[in-house]
Amino acid sequence: QVQLVESGGGSVQAGDSVRLSCVASGRTSGWAYVMAWFRQAPGQEREFVATITWSGDRTWYADFVKGRFTISRDNAKNAVYLQMNSLQPEDTAVYYCAPVIRYNGIWRPNFGDGDSWGQGTQVTVSS
């Protein structure tokens, strides 16, 4: 199994920046996935934020990112990052990472057998 551990969240003010990390451990040998960040605000469904290819040469972002977020990865560390700048209260959510595939134009979680979401990391932005 592969375990995903997200970290780096916290409580910040509007306009601040936060860098989230996601580290994979466990059965990562040969693990090569397109990775993504999702988020889930209270009372809302989980939504796609950003994704990055294995080589890091292509990235995609949700429209609401508007150039504020940057996804990156370090395959040597089995890590994916999300740099979030100019945070707004509407960015308040629990942020998760996941391997993904693109199906019918939508990035969808693509967990291996027995794998699942990590615990996420809470980002709270106050005005």
Foldseek 3Di string as FASTA:
>chain_A
DKAKDKDFADEEEQQAKTKMKIFIDDPCVVPFFWKFKWWDDPPGDIGTAKIAHRVRPDMDGDPVLVPQKDWDADVVRRMIMIIGGRDDQVPWTFMWMAGWDADPNDTDHDDDVPDDIHPGYTHGYHD
